[in-house]
Every structure is written in C-alpha cells, then in structure tokens.
Amino acid sequence: ITDTDENLSETVRFLSSINKLKGIELLPYHRLGTDTYRHLGREYGLKGLVPPTRQRVSERRKYLTQLMKKYGMGG
C-alpha cells in the first residue's frame, strides 16, 4: 500500500528533518490480525491484500537505504 518509490521518498524526506531520529524500520504487511477481526465479528478491510514477497521487501529495503543516504540519515 505504502511502498511506492514516491511514498518512501516523501516519508524519508519528512523524517530527515527530525534531528533525534536514529533510523527507520521497514515492517511488511502481514495477515496476523485477520482471525481477531473474525472472532470479533468484524469485516477485515484489507482481506484482498497480499503480503509482499521476500524479494519485494528486500528491494524496498535497499531503496530505503539509498534514500536515507541521500538525505544524510543512518550514520
């Protein structure tokens, strides 16, 4: 949902203005909460969404690292 180049770039650009920020962690979407919604009798709004592949997460992590360097983050 939010792993597009544009979204990641704007997020890193915004976060680079926070002086005390030590880093950014990439947390991939997962389906662990779907049973909780079912037990509560609620509709899970993201049920059609598929978790990213390991390759996609790796690609996004590399891109995020490049952005952090571009904006002077991460050491």
N, C-alpha and C. Protein backbone atom coordinates (compact mmCIF):
# COMPACT_ATOMS: atom_id res chain seq x y z
N ILE A 1 0.83 -1.19 0.00
CA ILE A 1 0.00 0.00 0.00
C ILE A 1 0.87 1.25 0.00
N THR A 2 1.89 1.26 0.83
CA THR A 2 2.69 2.48 1.00
C THR A 2 4.15 2.29 0.61
N ASP A 3 4.43 1.29 -0.20
CA ASP A 3 5.83 1.03 -0.53
C ASP A 3 6.24 1.53 -1.92
N THR A 4 5.49 2.48 -2.45
CA THR A 4 5.86 3.04 -3.75
C THR A 4 7.10 3.91 -3.60
N ASP A 5 7.82 4.11 -4.70
CA ASP A 5 9.01 4.98 -4.67
C ASP A 5 8.64 6.36 -4.13
N GLU A 6 7.54 6.90 -4.64
CA GLU A 6 7.13 8.26 -4.24
C GLU A 6 6.83 8.33 -2.74
N ASN A 7 6.08 7.35 -2.23
CA ASN A 7 5.73 7.37 -0.81
C ASN A 7 6.96 7.22 0.07
N LEU A 8 7.83 6.28 -0.26
CA LEU A 8 9.05 6.09 0.54
C LEU A 8 9.93 7.33 0.49
N SER A 9 10.07 7.93 -0.67
CA SER A 9 10.89 9.12 -0.82
C SER A 9 10.36 10.28 0.03
N GLU A 10 9.06 10.52 -0.04
CA GLU A 10 8.46 11.60 0.74
C GLU A 10 8.53 11.32 2.24
N THR A 11 8.38 10.06 2.62
CA THR A 11 8.48 9.70 4.04
C THR A 11 9.88 9.96 4.57
N VAL A 12 10.90 9.52 3.83
CA VAL A 12 12.28 9.73 4.26
C VAL A 12 12.62 11.22 4.26
N ARG A 13 12.16 11.94 3.26
CA ARG A 13 12.40 13.38 3.22
C ARG A 13 11.82 14.05 4.46
N PHE A 14 10.60 13.70 4.83
CA PHE A 14 9.97 14.26 6.03
C PHE A 14 10.74 13.86 7.29
N LEU A 15 11.05 12.58 7.41
CA LEU A 15 11.71 12.09 8.62
C LEU A 15 13.14 12.62 8.77
N SER A 16 13.76 12.99 7.66
CA SER A 16 15.13 13.51 7.73
C SER A 16 15.19 14.83 8.50
N SER A 17 14.06 15.49 8.66
CA SER A 17 14.03 16.76 9.40
C SER A 17 13.97 16.55 10.91
N ILE A 18 13.81 15.31 11.34
CA ILE A 18 13.75 15.01 12.78
C ILE A 18 15.16 14.69 13.25
N ASN A 19 15.75 15.60 13.99
CA ASN A 19 17.16 15.50 14.37
C ASN A 19 17.51 14.29 15.22
N LYS A 20 16.65 13.86 16.09
CA LYS A 20 16.99 12.78 17.02
C LYS A 20 16.61 11.39 16.49
N LEU A 21 16.14 11.32 15.28
CA LEU A 21 15.75 10.05 14.70
C LEU A 21 16.99 9.19 14.46
N LYS A 22 16.96 7.95 14.94
CA LYS A 22 18.12 7.06 14.81
C LYS A 22 18.04 6.14 13.60
N GLY A 23 16.86 5.93 13.07
CA GLY A 23 16.72 5.04 11.93
C GLY A 23 15.27 4.82 11.56
N ILE A 24 15.07 4.02 10.55
CA ILE A 24 13.74 3.69 10.07
C ILE A 24 13.69 2.17 9.91
N GLU A 25 12.60 1.56 10.35
CA GLU A 25 12.43 0.12 10.16
C GLU A 25 11.31 -0.13 9.17
N LEU A 26 11.53 -1.07 8.29
CA LEU A 26 10.54 -1.45 7.30
C LEU A 26 9.75 -2.63 7.86
N LEU A 27 8.45 -2.45 8.04
CA LEU A 27 7.59 -3.51 8.58
C LEU A 27 6.61 -3.94 7.51
N PRO A 28 6.85 -5.10 6.88
CA PRO A 28 5.97 -5.56 5.81
C PRO A 28 4.58 -5.92 6.33
N TYR A 29 3.58 -5.74 5.49
CA TYR A 29 2.21 -6.14 5.81
C TYR A 29 2.17 -7.64 6.06
N HIS A 30 1.33 -8.05 7.01
CA HIS A 30 1.09 -9.47 7.28
C HIS A 30 -0.39 -9.65 7.61
N ARG A 31 -0.81 -10.87 7.70
CA ARG A 31 -2.23 -11.16 7.94
C ARG A 31 -2.51 -11.66 9.36
N LEU A 32 -1.64 -11.40 10.30
CA LEU A 32 -1.80 -11.96 11.64
C LEU A 32 -3.07 -11.50 12.35
N GLY A 33 -3.61 -10.35 12.01
CA GLY A 33 -4.79 -9.84 12.70
C GLY A 33 -6.12 -10.29 12.13
N THR A 34 -6.11 -11.05 11.05
CA THR A 34 -7.37 -11.40 10.39
C THR A 34 -8.27 -12.26 11.28
N ASP A 35 -7.71 -13.20 12.02
CA ASP A 35 -8.52 -14.04 12.91
C ASP A 35 -9.16 -13.22 14.02
N THR A 36 -8.45 -12.23 14.51
CA THR A 36 -9.00 -11.37 15.56
C THR A 36 -10.26 -10.66 15.05
N TYR A 37 -10.19 -10.14 13.84
CA TYR A 37 -11.37 -9.49 13.26
C TYR A 37 -12.52 -10.47 13.14
N ARG A 38 -12.22 -11.68 12.68
CA ARG A 38 -13.26 -12.70 12.52
C ARG A 38 -13.91 -13.03 13.86
N HIS A 39 -13.10 -13.21 14.92
CA HIS A 39 -13.63 -13.53 16.25
C HIS A 39 -14.47 -12.39 16.81
N LEU A 40 -14.17 -11.17 16.43
CA LEU A 40 -14.93 -10.01 16.88
C LEU A 40 -16.16 -9.75 16.01
N GLY A 41 -16.31 -10.55 14.96
CA GLY A 41 -17.44 -10.38 14.07
C GLY A 41 -17.34 -9.15 13.19
N ARG A 42 -16.12 -8.72 12.96
CA ARG A 42 -15.90 -7.51 12.16
C ARG A 42 -15.30 -7.88 10.80
N GLU A 43 -15.57 -7.04 9.83
CA GLU A 43 -15.01 -7.23 8.48
C GLU A 43 -13.58 -6.72 8.45
N TYR A 44 -12.67 -7.51 7.91
CA TYR A 44 -11.27 -7.10 7.78
C TYR A 44 -11.13 -6.35 6.46
N GLY A 45 -10.85 -5.06 6.54
CA GLY A 45 -10.84 -4.20 5.37
C GLY A 45 -9.76 -4.47 4.34
N LEU A 46 -8.72 -5.20 4.73
CA LEU A 46 -7.61 -5.45 3.81
C LEU A 46 -7.54 -6.92 3.38
N LYS A 47 -8.66 -7.63 3.44
CA LYS A 47 -8.60 -9.08 3.20
C LYS A 47 -8.13 -9.45 1.80
N GLY A 48 -8.25 -8.58 0.83
CA GLY A 48 -7.78 -8.88 -0.51
C GLY A 48 -6.31 -8.57 -0.73
N LEU A 49 -5.69 -7.93 0.25
CA LEU A 49 -4.29 -7.53 0.12
C LEU A 49 -3.36 -8.72 0.36
N VAL A 50 -2.39 -8.87 -0.51
CA VAL A 50 -1.43 -9.98 -0.41
C VAL A 50 -0.13 -9.47 0.20
N PRO A 51 0.41 -10.18 1.21
CA PRO A 51 1.70 -9.76 1.78
C PRO A 51 2.79 -9.75 0.71
N PRO A 52 3.78 -8.86 0.84
CA PRO A 52 4.84 -8.79 -0.16
C PRO A 52 5.75 -10.02 -0.10
N THR A 53 6.37 -10.33 -1.22
CA THR A 53 7.34 -11.42 -1.25
C THR A 53 8.62 -10.97 -0.55
N ARG A 54 9.44 -11.92 -0.19
CA ARG A 54 10.74 -11.58 0.42
C ARG A 54 11.57 -10.73 -0.53
N GLN A 55 11.48 -11.04 -1.82
CA GLN A 55 12.23 -10.26 -2.81
C GLN A 55 11.76 -8.81 -2.82
N ARG A 56 10.45 -8.60 -2.78
CA ARG A 56 9.91 -7.23 -2.77
C ARG A 56 10.37 -6.47 -1.52
N VAL A 57 10.34 -7.12 -0.37
CA VAL A 57 10.78 -6.49 0.87
C VAL A 57 12.26 -6.13 0.77
N SER A 58 13.06 -7.04 0.22
CA SER A 58 14.49 -6.79 0.05
C SER A 58 14.74 -5.60 -0.88
N GLU A 59 14.00 -5.54 -1.98
CA GLU A 59 14.13 -4.41 -2.93
C GLU A 59 13.76 -3.09 -2.26
N ARG A 60 12.68 -3.10 -1.51
CA ARG A 60 12.23 -1.88 -0.84
C ARG A 60 13.23 -1.45 0.25
N ARG A 61 13.80 -2.43 0.94
CA ARG A 61 14.80 -2.13 1.98
C ARG A 61 16.04 -1.48 1.35
N LYS A 62 16.48 -2.00 0.21
CA LYS A 62 17.63 -1.42 -0.49
C LYS A 62 17.33 0.01 -0.94
N TYR A 63 16.14 0.21 -1.48
CA TYR A 63 15.74 1.55 -1.93
C TYR A 63 15.67 2.51 -0.74
N LEU A 64 15.13 2.05 0.36
CA LEU A 64 15.04 2.87 1.57
C LEU A 64 16.42 3.25 2.07
N THR A 65 17.36 2.33 2.04
CA THR A 65 18.74 2.60 2.45
C THR A 65 19.36 3.67 1.55
N GLN A 66 19.13 3.57 0.24
CA GLN A 66 19.64 4.59 -0.69
C GLN A 66 19.06 5.97 -0.38
N LEU A 67 17.78 6.01 -0.10
CA LEU A 67 17.13 7.28 0.23
C LEU A 67 17.69 7.87 1.52
N MET A 68 17.91 7.02 2.50
CA MET A 68 18.44 7.51 3.78
C MET A 68 19.82 8.12 3.58
N LYS A 69 20.64 7.50 2.74
CA LYS A 69 21.97 8.07 2.45
C LYS A 69 21.83 9.40 1.72
N LYS A 70 20.90 9.47 0.77
CA LYS A 70 20.67 10.69 0.01
C LYS A 70 20.31 11.86 0.93
N TYR A 71 19.52 11.58 1.95
CA TYR A 71 19.08 12.62 2.87
C TYR A 71 19.94 12.72 4.13
N GLY A 72 21.10 12.04 4.13
CA GLY A 72 22.04 12.16 5.25
C GLY A 72 21.58 11.48 6.53
N MET A 73 20.86 10.39 6.39
CA MET A 73 20.39 9.66 7.58
C MET A 73 21.14 8.35 7.73
N GLY A 74 21.14 7.82 8.93
CA GLY A 74 21.69 6.50 9.17
C GLY A 74 23.18 6.45 9.36
N GLY A 75 23.76 7.52 9.81
CA GLY A 75 25.18 7.49 10.15
C GLY A 75 25.99 8.10 9.14
